[in-house]
Amino acid sequence: MTIHSQLNDGTPVCIRRVRRADEARLRDGIAKLSPQSRYLRFFSGIREAPPQVLRALTSPDGHDHLAWGALRSDLPDTPALGVVHAFRDKENPDEAEFSVAVVDEYHGRRLARLLTAVLLLDCAREGYDRFTVNILPENRPALALARSLGAEGVGHEGGVSVFAIDIAEALAALRAEADVPGLAAVFDQFGEEALGEGASGG
């Protein structure tokens, strides 16, 4: 499934599932993050993710690990602009740990919301009810995104704030956003693809 949309400034993007062949693209994307962005995403100052981490991040199984990436679709090398993940909680299988990262150059263009909408739709289809997300208190953009999705604080661990997000409520909040035109394409195309998959499977 590939979803074609655009950022608020008109930049065309395609959002598709992450696959093993994306390892080099993901490595390059992490290298493009500023030191501050890497710290806020990985809670460390790593410049490069270890090979085993890259393999894990590019090996989603479509059920217990869902991952989608955004690519710049009008450039020949289709560079990675951002990625979003959900890892199912083994003890609470209707919950998943959520994370999103966007290359600094594309901050403020609402890409995180497009990626999050796709992941939420995929998670709802896979039977998830809730996200948990770990955010450093100084990560104001991530806190703003989480709160706009209806996140509720559920604890603190090692200086990190833990939030819970109801997936159905988060999807309703995103559907109601009028200042992110690209979201309409996400909801329309994901719904059409899901119906098509259901028809082919039946």
N, C-alpha and C. Protein backbone atom coordinates (compact mmCIF):
# COMPACT_ATOMS: atom_id res chain seq x y z
N MET A 1 0.85 -1.19 0.00
CA MET A 1 0.00 0.00 0.00
C MET A 1 0.89 1.25 0.00
N THR A 2 0.65 2.15 -0.91
CA THR A 2 1.35 3.43 -0.96
C THR A 2 0.32 4.54 -0.98
N ILE A 3 0.48 5.49 -0.08
CA ILE A 3 -0.45 6.61 0.03
C ILE A 3 0.26 7.87 -0.45
N HIS A 4 -0.34 8.56 -1.39
CA HIS A 4 0.23 9.79 -1.92
C HIS A 4 -0.49 10.98 -1.31
N SER A 5 0.29 11.90 -0.76
CA SER A 5 -0.28 13.09 -0.15
C SER A 5 0.70 14.24 -0.32
N GLN A 6 0.50 15.29 0.43
CA GLN A 6 1.42 16.42 0.36
C GLN A 6 1.47 17.13 1.69
N LEU A 7 2.59 17.83 1.91
CA LEU A 7 2.75 18.59 3.13
C LEU A 7 2.00 19.92 3.00
N ASN A 8 1.96 20.67 4.09
CA ASN A 8 1.21 21.93 4.06
C ASN A 8 1.76 22.94 3.06
N ASP A 9 3.05 22.80 2.69
CA ASP A 9 3.63 23.72 1.71
C ASP A 9 3.54 23.18 0.29
N GLY A 10 2.84 22.06 0.10
CA GLY A 10 2.67 21.49 -1.23
C GLY A 10 3.69 20.45 -1.62
N THR A 11 4.69 20.19 -0.78
CA THR A 11 5.71 19.18 -1.09
C THR A 11 5.05 17.81 -1.21
N PRO A 12 5.24 17.11 -2.34
CA PRO A 12 4.61 15.79 -2.50
C PRO A 12 5.35 14.72 -1.70
N VAL A 13 4.61 13.86 -1.05
CA VAL A 13 5.19 12.76 -0.30
C VAL A 13 4.40 11.49 -0.57
N CYS A 14 5.08 10.36 -0.47
CA CYS A 14 4.37 9.08 -0.47
C CYS A 14 4.71 8.38 0.83
N ILE A 15 3.73 7.71 1.38
CA ILE A 15 3.88 7.01 2.65
C ILE A 15 3.61 5.54 2.39
N ARG A 16 4.57 4.71 2.72
CA ARG A 16 4.42 3.27 2.49
C ARG A 16 5.04 2.50 3.65
N ARG A 17 4.78 1.20 3.66
CA ARG A 17 5.34 0.36 4.72
C ARG A 17 6.86 0.31 4.63
N VAL A 18 7.49 0.29 5.77
CA VAL A 18 8.94 0.12 5.83
C VAL A 18 9.28 -1.33 5.51
N ARG A 19 10.36 -1.55 4.77
CA ARG A 19 10.81 -2.90 4.44
C ARG A 19 12.31 -3.02 4.61
N ARG A 20 12.81 -4.25 4.55
CA ARG A 20 14.23 -4.52 4.79
C ARG A 20 15.13 -3.72 3.87
N ALA A 21 14.71 -3.51 2.63
CA ALA A 21 15.54 -2.77 1.67
C ALA A 21 15.71 -1.30 2.05
N ASP A 22 14.98 -0.84 3.07
CA ASP A 22 15.06 0.57 3.48
C ASP A 22 16.15 0.83 4.50
N GLU A 23 16.96 -0.18 4.82
CA GLU A 23 17.93 -0.01 5.90
C GLU A 23 18.89 1.15 5.61
N ALA A 24 19.43 1.22 4.40
CA ALA A 24 20.36 2.31 4.07
C ALA A 24 19.65 3.66 4.09
N ARG A 25 18.42 3.69 3.59
CA ARG A 25 17.65 4.94 3.58
C ARG A 25 17.38 5.41 5.01
N LEU A 26 17.07 4.47 5.91
CA LEU A 26 16.81 4.83 7.30
C LEU A 26 18.10 5.30 7.97
N ARG A 27 19.20 4.62 7.69
CA ARG A 27 20.48 5.04 8.26
C ARG A 27 20.83 6.47 7.83
N ASP A 28 20.61 6.77 6.56
CA ASP A 28 20.89 8.12 6.06
C ASP A 28 19.96 9.14 6.72
N GLY A 29 18.71 8.76 6.92
CA GLY A 29 17.76 9.67 7.56
C GLY A 29 18.15 9.99 8.99
N ILE A 30 18.60 8.98 9.74
CA ILE A 30 19.03 9.20 11.12
C ILE A 30 20.25 10.12 11.14
N ALA A 31 21.15 9.94 10.18
CA ALA A 31 22.35 10.79 10.11
C ALA A 31 21.99 12.24 9.82
N LYS A 32 20.85 12.47 9.16
CA LYS A 32 20.42 13.84 8.84
C LYS A 32 19.77 14.54 10.03
N LEU A 33 19.39 13.77 11.04
CA LEU A 33 18.80 14.39 12.22
C LEU A 33 19.85 15.22 12.95
N SER A 34 19.44 16.33 13.50
CA SER A 34 20.36 17.13 14.31
C SER A 34 20.66 16.36 15.60
N PRO A 35 21.77 16.67 16.27
CA PRO A 35 22.06 16.01 17.54
C PRO A 35 20.90 16.12 18.53
N GLN A 36 20.24 17.28 18.56
CA GLN A 36 19.11 17.46 19.46
C GLN A 36 17.96 16.54 19.09
N SER A 37 17.66 16.42 17.79
CA SER A 37 16.56 15.56 17.35
C SER A 37 16.87 14.10 17.64
N ARG A 38 18.12 13.69 17.45
CA ARG A 38 18.48 12.30 17.76
C ARG A 38 18.33 12.02 19.25
N TYR A 39 18.72 12.99 20.07
CA TYR A 39 18.59 12.81 21.51
C TYR A 39 17.12 12.70 21.91
N LEU A 40 16.28 13.56 21.34
CA LEU A 40 14.86 13.54 21.70
C LEU A 40 14.18 12.26 21.23
N ARG A 41 14.65 11.69 20.11
CA ARG A 41 14.03 10.48 19.56
C ARG A 41 14.56 9.23 20.25
N PHE A 42 15.91 9.14 20.41
CA PHE A 42 16.52 7.91 20.92
C PHE A 42 16.96 8.02 22.37
N PHE A 43 16.79 9.21 22.97
CA PHE A 43 17.20 9.44 24.36
C PHE A 43 18.70 9.24 24.52
N SER A 44 19.46 9.45 23.46
CA SER A 44 20.92 9.35 23.51
C SER A 44 21.49 10.20 22.38
N GLY A 45 22.80 10.42 22.41
CA GLY A 45 23.43 11.25 21.40
C GLY A 45 24.01 10.48 20.24
N ILE A 46 23.54 9.26 19.99
CA ILE A 46 24.11 8.44 18.92
C ILE A 46 24.02 9.16 17.57
N ARG A 47 25.08 9.05 16.78
CA ARG A 47 25.03 9.61 15.42
C ARG A 47 24.52 8.55 14.45
N GLU A 48 24.87 7.28 14.72
CA GLU A 48 24.41 6.19 13.87
C GLU A 48 23.77 5.11 14.75
N ALA A 49 22.66 4.59 14.30
CA ALA A 49 22.03 3.48 15.03
C ALA A 49 22.84 2.22 14.80
N PRO A 50 23.05 1.41 15.82
CA PRO A 50 23.78 0.14 15.64
C PRO A 50 23.09 -0.73 14.60
N PRO A 51 23.85 -1.60 13.90
CA PRO A 51 23.26 -2.44 12.86
C PRO A 51 22.07 -3.26 13.34
N GLN A 52 22.13 -3.76 14.57
CA GLN A 52 21.02 -4.58 15.06
C GLN A 52 19.76 -3.74 15.27
N VAL A 53 19.93 -2.47 15.62
CA VAL A 53 18.78 -1.58 15.78
C VAL A 53 18.18 -1.27 14.41
N LEU A 54 19.03 -0.99 13.42
CA LEU A 54 18.53 -0.73 12.07
C LEU A 54 17.78 -1.94 11.52
N ARG A 55 18.31 -3.13 11.77
CA ARG A 55 17.62 -4.34 11.29
C ARG A 55 16.26 -4.48 11.95
N ALA A 56 16.20 -4.20 13.26
CA ALA A 56 14.92 -4.31 13.96
C ALA A 56 13.92 -3.28 13.45
N LEU A 57 14.39 -2.07 13.19
CA LEU A 57 13.49 -1.01 12.75
C LEU A 57 12.99 -1.22 11.32
N THR A 58 13.74 -1.98 10.54
CA THR A 58 13.34 -2.21 9.14
C THR A 58 12.82 -3.63 8.93
N SER A 59 12.38 -4.27 10.01
CA SER A 59 11.85 -5.64 9.90
C SER A 59 10.46 -5.76 10.51
N PRO A 60 9.54 -4.87 10.15
CA PRO A 60 8.18 -4.99 10.69
C PRO A 60 7.51 -6.24 10.14
N ASP A 61 6.68 -6.87 10.98
CA ASP A 61 5.97 -8.07 10.53
C ASP A 61 4.53 -7.79 10.13
N GLY A 62 4.11 -6.53 10.25
CA GLY A 62 2.76 -6.17 9.85
C GLY A 62 1.69 -6.52 10.87
N HIS A 63 2.11 -7.01 12.03
CA HIS A 63 1.13 -7.39 13.06
C HIS A 63 1.60 -6.93 14.44
N ASP A 64 2.74 -7.45 14.89
CA ASP A 64 3.29 -7.06 16.19
C ASP A 64 4.23 -5.86 16.08
N HIS A 65 4.69 -5.58 14.89
CA HIS A 65 5.51 -4.39 14.63
C HIS A 65 5.04 -3.80 13.31
N LEU A 66 4.47 -2.59 13.40
CA LEU A 66 4.01 -1.87 12.22
C LEU A 66 4.93 -0.67 12.01
N ALA A 67 5.30 -0.41 10.77
CA ALA A 67 6.20 0.72 10.50
C ALA A 67 5.90 1.29 9.12
N TRP A 68 5.83 2.61 9.05
CA TRP A 68 5.58 3.33 7.80
C TRP A 68 6.60 4.43 7.64
N GLY A 69 7.02 4.66 6.41
CA GLY A 69 7.97 5.72 6.13
C GLY A 69 7.43 6.69 5.11
N ALA A 70 7.84 7.94 5.22
CA ALA A 70 7.46 8.98 4.25
C ALA A 70 8.66 9.29 3.37
N LEU A 71 8.44 9.31 2.07
CA LEU A 71 9.49 9.58 1.09
C LEU A 71 9.13 10.82 0.28
N ARG A 72 10.15 11.53 -0.15
CA ARG A 72 9.95 12.69 -1.04
C ARG A 72 9.77 12.14 -2.46
N SER A 73 8.54 12.12 -2.94
CA SER A 73 8.22 11.37 -4.15
C SER A 73 8.59 12.09 -5.44
N ASP A 74 8.97 13.39 -5.36
CA ASP A 74 9.31 14.10 -6.59
C ASP A 74 10.82 14.16 -6.84
N LEU A 75 11.62 13.52 -5.99
CA LEU A 75 13.06 13.49 -6.18
C LEU A 75 13.49 12.09 -6.61
N PRO A 76 14.49 12.00 -7.49
CA PRO A 76 14.86 10.69 -8.05
C PRO A 76 15.33 9.67 -7.03
N ASP A 77 15.97 10.14 -5.94
CA ASP A 77 16.46 9.18 -4.94
C ASP A 77 15.44 8.94 -3.84
N THR A 78 14.26 9.54 -3.94
CA THR A 78 13.18 9.40 -2.96
C THR A 78 13.72 9.28 -1.52
N PRO A 79 14.34 10.34 -1.02
CA PRO A 79 14.92 10.27 0.33
C PRO A 79 13.85 10.11 1.39
N ALA A 80 14.24 9.51 2.51
CA ALA A 80 13.33 9.35 3.64
C ALA A 80 13.18 10.67 4.38
N LEU A 81 11.95 11.02 4.68
CA LEU A 81 11.66 12.26 5.40
C LEU A 81 11.24 12.00 6.84
N GLY A 82 10.70 10.82 7.08
CA GLY A 82 10.24 10.51 8.43
C GLY A 82 9.77 9.07 8.50
N VAL A 83 9.65 8.58 9.72
CA VAL A 83 9.22 7.20 9.92
C VAL A 83 8.44 7.10 11.22
N VAL A 84 7.52 6.15 11.26
CA VAL A 84 6.68 5.97 12.44
C VAL A 84 6.57 4.47 12.73
N HIS A 85 6.58 4.12 14.01
CA HIS A 85 6.58 2.71 14.42
C HIS A 85 5.54 2.46 15.50
N ALA A 86 5.05 1.23 15.54
CA ALA A 86 4.23 0.74 16.65
C ALA A 86 4.71 -0.68 16.98
N PHE A 87 5.08 -0.89 18.23
CA PHE A 87 5.50 -2.22 18.70
C PHE A 87 4.47 -2.72 19.70
N ARG A 88 3.89 -3.88 19.42
CA ARG A 88 2.86 -4.43 20.30
C ARG A 88 3.44 -4.77 21.66
N ASP A 89 2.69 -4.45 22.70
CA ASP A 89 3.05 -4.78 24.07
C ASP A 89 2.74 -6.26 24.30
N LYS A 90 3.75 -7.04 24.66
CA LYS A 90 3.56 -8.48 24.83
C LYS A 90 2.60 -8.81 25.96
N GLU A 91 2.60 -7.99 27.01
CA GLU A 91 1.73 -8.25 28.14
C GLU A 91 0.31 -7.71 27.93
N ASN A 92 0.19 -6.68 27.11
CA ASN A 92 -1.12 -6.09 26.80
C ASN A 92 -1.25 -6.00 25.29
N PRO A 93 -1.67 -7.07 24.65
CA PRO A 93 -1.63 -7.15 23.19
C PRO A 93 -2.53 -6.17 22.44
N ASP A 94 -3.41 -5.47 23.16
CA ASP A 94 -4.21 -4.45 22.48
C ASP A 94 -3.56 -3.08 22.56
N GLU A 95 -2.32 -3.03 23.09
CA GLU A 95 -1.58 -1.78 23.20
C GLU A 95 -0.28 -1.87 22.39
N ALA A 96 0.22 -0.71 21.98
CA ALA A 96 1.47 -0.65 21.23
C ALA A 96 2.25 0.58 21.66
N GLU A 97 3.57 0.45 21.66
CA GLU A 97 4.43 1.61 21.90
C GLU A 97 4.62 2.35 20.59
N PHE A 98 4.38 3.64 20.62
CA PHE A 98 4.37 4.48 19.42
C PHE A 98 5.58 5.41 19.41
N SER A 99 6.17 5.58 18.21
CA SER A 99 7.25 6.56 18.06
C SER A 99 7.20 7.13 16.65
N VAL A 100 7.65 8.38 16.52
CA VAL A 100 7.69 9.03 15.22
C VAL A 100 8.93 9.91 15.17
N ALA A 101 9.56 9.97 14.01
CA ALA A 101 10.74 10.83 13.82
C ALA A 101 10.65 11.46 12.44
N VAL A 102 10.99 12.74 12.36
CA VAL A 102 10.96 13.47 11.09
C VAL A 102 12.28 14.22 10.94
N VAL A 103 12.86 14.17 9.75
CA VAL A 103 14.10 14.89 9.46
C VAL A 103 13.89 16.37 9.74
N ASP A 104 14.89 17.00 10.36
CA ASP A 104 14.75 18.39 10.82
C ASP A 104 14.25 19.34 9.74
N GLU A 105 14.72 19.17 8.52
CA GLU A 105 14.34 20.06 7.43
C GLU A 105 12.83 20.10 7.20
N TYR A 106 12.15 19.03 7.64
CA TYR A 106 10.70 18.94 7.39
C TYR A 106 9.87 19.15 8.65
N HIS A 107 10.51 19.61 9.72
CA HIS A 107 9.75 19.95 10.92
C HIS A 107 8.79 21.09 10.62
N GLY A 108 7.65 21.09 11.27
CA GLY A 108 6.70 22.19 11.14
C GLY A 108 5.84 22.13 9.89
N ARG A 109 5.95 21.04 9.11
CA ARG A 109 5.16 20.94 7.88
C ARG A 109 4.02 19.94 8.01
N ARG A 110 3.79 19.47 9.23
CA ARG A 110 2.69 18.55 9.56
C ARG A 110 2.92 17.13 9.05
N LEU A 111 4.17 16.78 8.74
CA LEU A 111 4.45 15.42 8.29
C LEU A 111 4.19 14.41 9.40
N ALA A 112 4.53 14.75 10.63
CA ALA A 112 4.31 13.81 11.74
C ALA A 112 2.83 13.44 11.85
N ARG A 113 1.95 14.39 11.57
CA ARG A 113 0.52 14.09 11.65
C ARG A 113 0.09 13.14 10.53
N LEU A 114 0.64 13.31 9.33
CA LEU A 114 0.29 12.39 8.24
C LEU A 114 0.77 10.97 8.57
N LEU A 115 2.00 10.85 9.04
CA LEU A 115 2.53 9.54 9.40
C LEU A 115 1.72 8.91 10.53
N THR A 116 1.40 9.72 11.52
CA THR A 116 0.64 9.21 12.67
C THR A 116 -0.74 8.73 12.25
N ALA A 117 -1.38 9.46 11.34
CA ALA A 117 -2.70 9.04 10.88
C ALA A 117 -2.64 7.69 10.20
N VAL A 118 -1.64 7.48 9.35
CA VAL A 118 -1.49 6.18 8.67
C VAL A 118 -1.28 5.07 9.69
N LEU A 119 -0.41 5.31 10.65
CA LEU A 119 -0.13 4.28 11.64
C LEU A 119 -1.36 3.98 12.49
N LEU A 120 -2.08 5.01 12.89
CA LEU A 120 -3.30 4.80 13.67
C LEU A 120 -4.31 3.96 12.90
N LEU A 121 -4.49 4.25 11.62
CA LEU A 121 -5.41 3.47 10.80
C LEU A 121 -4.97 2.01 10.71
N ASP A 122 -3.68 1.80 10.51
CA ASP A 122 -3.15 0.43 10.42
C ASP A 122 -3.32 -0.30 11.75
N CYS A 123 -3.04 0.39 12.84
CA CYS A 123 -3.17 -0.22 14.16
C CYS A 123 -4.63 -0.57 14.47
N ALA A 124 -5.54 0.32 14.11
CA ALA A 124 -6.96 0.02 14.33
C ALA A 124 -7.36 -1.23 13.57
N ARG A 125 -6.86 -1.38 12.36
CA ARG A 125 -7.18 -2.56 11.56
C ARG A 125 -6.59 -3.83 12.17
N GLU A 126 -5.45 -3.68 12.85
CA GLU A 126 -4.79 -4.84 13.47
C GLU A 126 -5.31 -5.14 14.87
N GLY A 127 -6.29 -4.38 15.33
CA GLY A 127 -6.92 -4.68 16.61
C GLY A 127 -6.33 -3.99 17.82
N TYR A 128 -5.48 -3.00 17.62
CA TYR A 128 -4.95 -2.24 18.75
C TYR A 128 -6.01 -1.25 19.24
N ASP A 129 -6.00 -0.99 20.54
CA ASP A 129 -6.92 -0.01 21.12
C ASP A 129 -6.20 1.24 21.60
N ARG A 130 -4.91 1.09 21.97
CA ARG A 130 -4.24 2.19 22.66
C ARG A 130 -2.76 2.23 22.32
N PHE A 131 -2.24 3.44 22.25
CA PHE A 131 -0.80 3.67 22.14
C PHE A 131 -0.25 4.08 23.50
N THR A 132 0.99 3.72 23.76
CA THR A 132 1.75 4.38 24.81
C THR A 132 2.93 5.05 24.12
N VAL A 133 3.33 6.20 24.62
CA VAL A 133 4.43 6.93 24.03
C VAL A 133 5.28 7.55 25.13
N ASN A 134 6.59 7.44 24.97
CA ASN A 134 7.54 7.98 25.94
C ASN A 134 8.13 9.27 25.38
N ILE A 135 8.03 10.37 26.13
CA ILE A 135 8.46 11.67 25.64
C ILE A 135 9.28 12.38 26.71
N LEU A 136 10.42 12.93 26.30
CA LEU A 136 11.20 13.74 27.22
C LEU A 136 10.46 15.06 27.46
N PRO A 137 10.47 15.57 28.68
CA PRO A 137 9.70 16.79 29.00
C PRO A 137 10.08 17.99 28.13
N GLU A 138 11.33 18.05 27.64
CA GLU A 138 11.74 19.19 26.83
C GLU A 138 11.35 19.07 25.36
N ASN A 139 10.77 17.94 24.99
CA ASN A 139 10.37 17.73 23.59
C ASN A 139 8.98 18.33 23.36
N ARG A 140 8.93 19.64 23.24
CA ARG A 140 7.64 20.33 23.16
C ARG A 140 6.82 19.96 21.93
N PRO A 141 7.42 19.82 20.73
CA PRO A 141 6.61 19.43 19.57
C PRO A 141 5.94 18.07 19.76
N ALA A 142 6.68 17.11 20.33
CA ALA A 142 6.09 15.78 20.56
C ALA A 142 4.98 15.85 21.59
N LEU A 143 5.17 16.64 22.62
CA LEU A 143 4.13 16.80 23.63
C LEU A 143 2.89 17.43 23.02
N ALA A 144 3.09 18.43 22.14
CA ALA A 144 1.95 19.08 21.51
C ALA A 144 1.19 18.11 20.62
N LEU A 145 1.92 17.29 19.86
CA LEU A 145 1.27 16.29 19.01
C LEU A 145 0.48 15.31 19.86
N ALA A 146 1.12 14.77 20.91
CA ALA A 146 0.45 13.79 21.76
C ALA A 146 -0.82 14.37 22.38
N ARG A 147 -0.73 15.59 22.86
CA ARG A 147 -1.90 16.20 23.50
C ARG A 147 -3.02 16.47 22.50
N SER A 148 -2.65 16.82 21.27
CA SER A 148 -3.67 17.04 20.25
C SER A 148 -4.40 15.75 19.90
N LEU A 149 -3.78 14.62 20.21
CA LEU A 149 -4.40 13.31 19.96
C LEU A 149 -5.15 12.80 21.18
N GLY A 150 -5.22 13.61 22.23
CA GLY A 150 -5.95 13.23 23.42
C GLY A 150 -5.14 12.45 24.43
N ALA A 151 -3.80 12.55 24.37
CA ALA A 151 -2.94 11.79 25.28
C ALA A 151 -3.18 12.17 26.73
N GLU A 152 -3.08 11.16 27.58
CA GLU A 152 -3.18 11.36 29.02
C GLU A 152 -1.92 10.83 29.68
N GLY A 153 -1.37 11.62 30.60
CA GLY A 153 -0.18 11.19 31.31
C GLY A 153 -0.49 10.00 32.21
N VAL A 154 0.37 8.99 32.14
CA VAL A 154 0.15 7.79 32.96
C VAL A 154 1.35 7.45 33.84
N GLY A 155 2.41 8.27 33.78
CA GLY A 155 3.55 8.00 34.64
C GLY A 155 4.83 8.65 34.17
N HIS A 156 5.89 8.43 34.96
CA HIS A 156 7.22 8.92 34.63
C HIS A 156 8.21 7.80 34.91
N GLU A 157 9.16 7.63 34.00
CA GLU A 157 10.17 6.60 34.17
C GLU A 157 11.53 7.17 33.77
N GLY A 158 12.43 7.30 34.76
CA GLY A 158 13.76 7.77 34.46
C GLY A 158 13.80 9.13 33.80
N GLY A 159 12.94 10.04 34.22
CA GLY A 159 12.93 11.37 33.64
C GLY A 159 12.14 11.48 32.35
N VAL A 160 11.51 10.40 31.94
CA VAL A 160 10.72 10.37 30.71
C VAL A 160 9.24 10.32 31.08
N SER A 161 8.44 11.16 30.41
CA SER A 161 6.99 11.15 30.65
C SER A 161 6.33 10.09 29.78
N VAL A 162 5.41 9.34 30.37
CA VAL A 162 4.71 8.28 29.65
C VAL A 162 3.25 8.69 29.47
N PHE A 163 2.78 8.59 28.22
CA PHE A 163 1.42 8.98 27.89
C PHE A 163 0.67 7.81 27.26
N ALA A 164 -0.64 7.81 27.42
CA ALA A 164 -1.51 6.83 26.77
C ALA A 164 -2.42 7.57 25.80
N ILE A 165 -2.62 6.98 24.62
CA ILE A 165 -3.45 7.59 23.58
C ILE A 165 -4.47 6.56 23.12
N ASP A 166 -5.75 6.91 23.21
CA ASP A 166 -6.81 6.05 22.70
C ASP A 166 -6.85 6.19 21.17
N ILE A 167 -6.71 5.08 20.47
CA ILE A 167 -6.56 5.13 19.01
C ILE A 167 -7.80 5.68 18.33
N ALA A 168 -8.98 5.24 18.74
CA ALA A 168 -10.22 5.73 18.13
C ALA A 168 -10.37 7.24 18.34
N GLU A 169 -10.08 7.70 19.55
CA GLU A 169 -10.20 9.14 19.83
C GLU A 169 -9.17 9.94 19.05
N ALA A 170 -7.96 9.39 18.90
CA ALA A 170 -6.91 10.08 18.16
C ALA A 170 -7.28 10.20 16.69
N LEU A 171 -7.85 9.15 16.13
CA LEU A 171 -8.28 9.20 14.73
C LEU A 171 -9.39 10.24 14.55
N ALA A 172 -10.31 10.30 15.48
CA ALA A 172 -11.38 11.30 15.40
C ALA A 172 -10.81 12.71 15.46
N ALA A 173 -9.80 12.92 16.31
CA ALA A 173 -9.18 14.23 16.42
C ALA A 173 -8.49 14.63 15.12
N LEU A 174 -7.80 13.68 14.49
CA LEU A 174 -7.11 13.99 13.24
C LEU A 174 -8.10 14.24 12.10
N ARG A 175 -9.18 13.48 12.06
CA ARG A 175 -10.20 13.70 11.03
C ARG A 175 -10.79 15.11 11.13
N ALA A 176 -10.81 15.65 12.33
CA ALA A 176 -11.42 16.96 12.55
C ALA A 176 -10.47 18.11 12.27
N GLU A 177 -9.19 17.82 12.03
CA GLU A 177 -8.23 18.90 11.81
C GLU A 177 -8.41 19.49 10.41
N ALA A 178 -8.67 20.78 10.36
CA ALA A 178 -8.91 21.44 9.08
C ALA A 178 -7.66 22.11 8.52
N ASP A 179 -6.59 22.24 9.35
CA ASP A 179 -5.41 22.97 8.89
C ASP A 179 -4.32 22.06 8.34
N VAL A 180 -4.64 20.79 8.11
CA VAL A 180 -3.68 19.85 7.53
C VAL A 180 -4.35 19.20 6.32
N PRO A 181 -4.32 19.86 5.16
CA PRO A 181 -5.03 19.35 3.99
C PRO A 181 -4.63 17.93 3.59
N GLY A 182 -3.38 17.57 3.80
CA GLY A 182 -2.91 16.25 3.38
C GLY A 182 -3.57 15.10 4.11
N LEU A 183 -4.20 15.37 5.25
CA LEU A 183 -4.83 14.29 6.01
C LEU A 183 -6.01 13.68 5.24
N ALA A 184 -6.72 14.49 4.49
CA ALA A 184 -7.88 13.97 3.75
C ALA A 184 -7.45 12.88 2.78
N ALA A 185 -6.31 13.08 2.11
CA ALA A 185 -5.81 12.07 1.17
C ALA A 185 -5.44 10.79 1.90
N VAL A 186 -4.87 10.93 3.09
CA VAL A 186 -4.50 9.75 3.88
C VAL A 186 -5.74 8.92 4.22
N PHE A 187 -6.76 9.58 4.76
CA PHE A 187 -7.96 8.85 5.16
C PHE A 187 -8.67 8.24 3.95
N ASP A 188 -8.75 8.99 2.87
CA ASP A 188 -9.44 8.49 1.68
C ASP A 188 -8.71 7.29 1.08
N GLN A 189 -7.39 7.41 0.90
CA GLN A 189 -6.63 6.34 0.24
C GLN A 189 -6.48 5.11 1.11
N PHE A 190 -6.30 5.30 2.41
CA PHE A 190 -6.18 4.13 3.28
C PHE A 190 -7.49 3.36 3.30
N GLY A 191 -8.61 4.07 3.35
CA GLY A 191 -9.91 3.41 3.34
C GLY A 191 -10.16 2.64 2.06
N GLU A 192 -9.77 3.22 0.92
CA GLU A 192 -9.96 2.54 -0.36
C GLU A 192 -9.08 1.30 -0.45
N GLU A 193 -7.82 1.43 0.02
CA GLU A 193 -6.92 0.28 -0.04
C GLU A 193 -7.41 -0.84 0.88
N ALA A 194 -7.89 -0.46 2.06
CA ALA A 194 -8.38 -1.47 3.01
C ALA A 194 -9.58 -2.22 2.44
N LEU A 195 -10.48 -1.48 1.77
CA LEU A 195 -11.63 -2.13 1.14
C LEU A 195 -11.20 -3.06 0.03
N GLY A 196 -10.20 -2.61 -0.74
CA GLY A 196 -9.69 -3.44 -1.83
C GLY A 196 -9.04 -4.72 -1.32
N GLU A 197 -8.30 -4.62 -0.23
CA GLU A 197 -7.67 -5.80 0.35
C GLU A 197 -8.73 -6.76 0.87
N GLY A 198 -9.79 -6.19 1.46
CA GLY A 198 -10.85 -7.05 1.97
C GLY A 198 -11.55 -7.79 0.84
N ALA A 199 -11.76 -7.09 -0.28
CA ALA A 199 -12.44 -7.72 -1.41
C ALA A 199 -11.60 -8.83 -2.00
N SER A 200 -10.29 -8.57 -2.12
CA SER A 200 -9.43 -9.58 -2.72
C SER A 200 -9.29 -10.79 -1.81
N GLY A 201 -9.43 -10.54 -0.48
CA GLY A 201 -9.28 -11.64 0.45
C GLY A 201 -10.57 -12.43 0.58
N GLY A 202 -11.71 -11.89 0.10
CA GLY A 202 -12.97 -12.58 0.30
C GLY A 202 -13.40 -13.29 -0.94
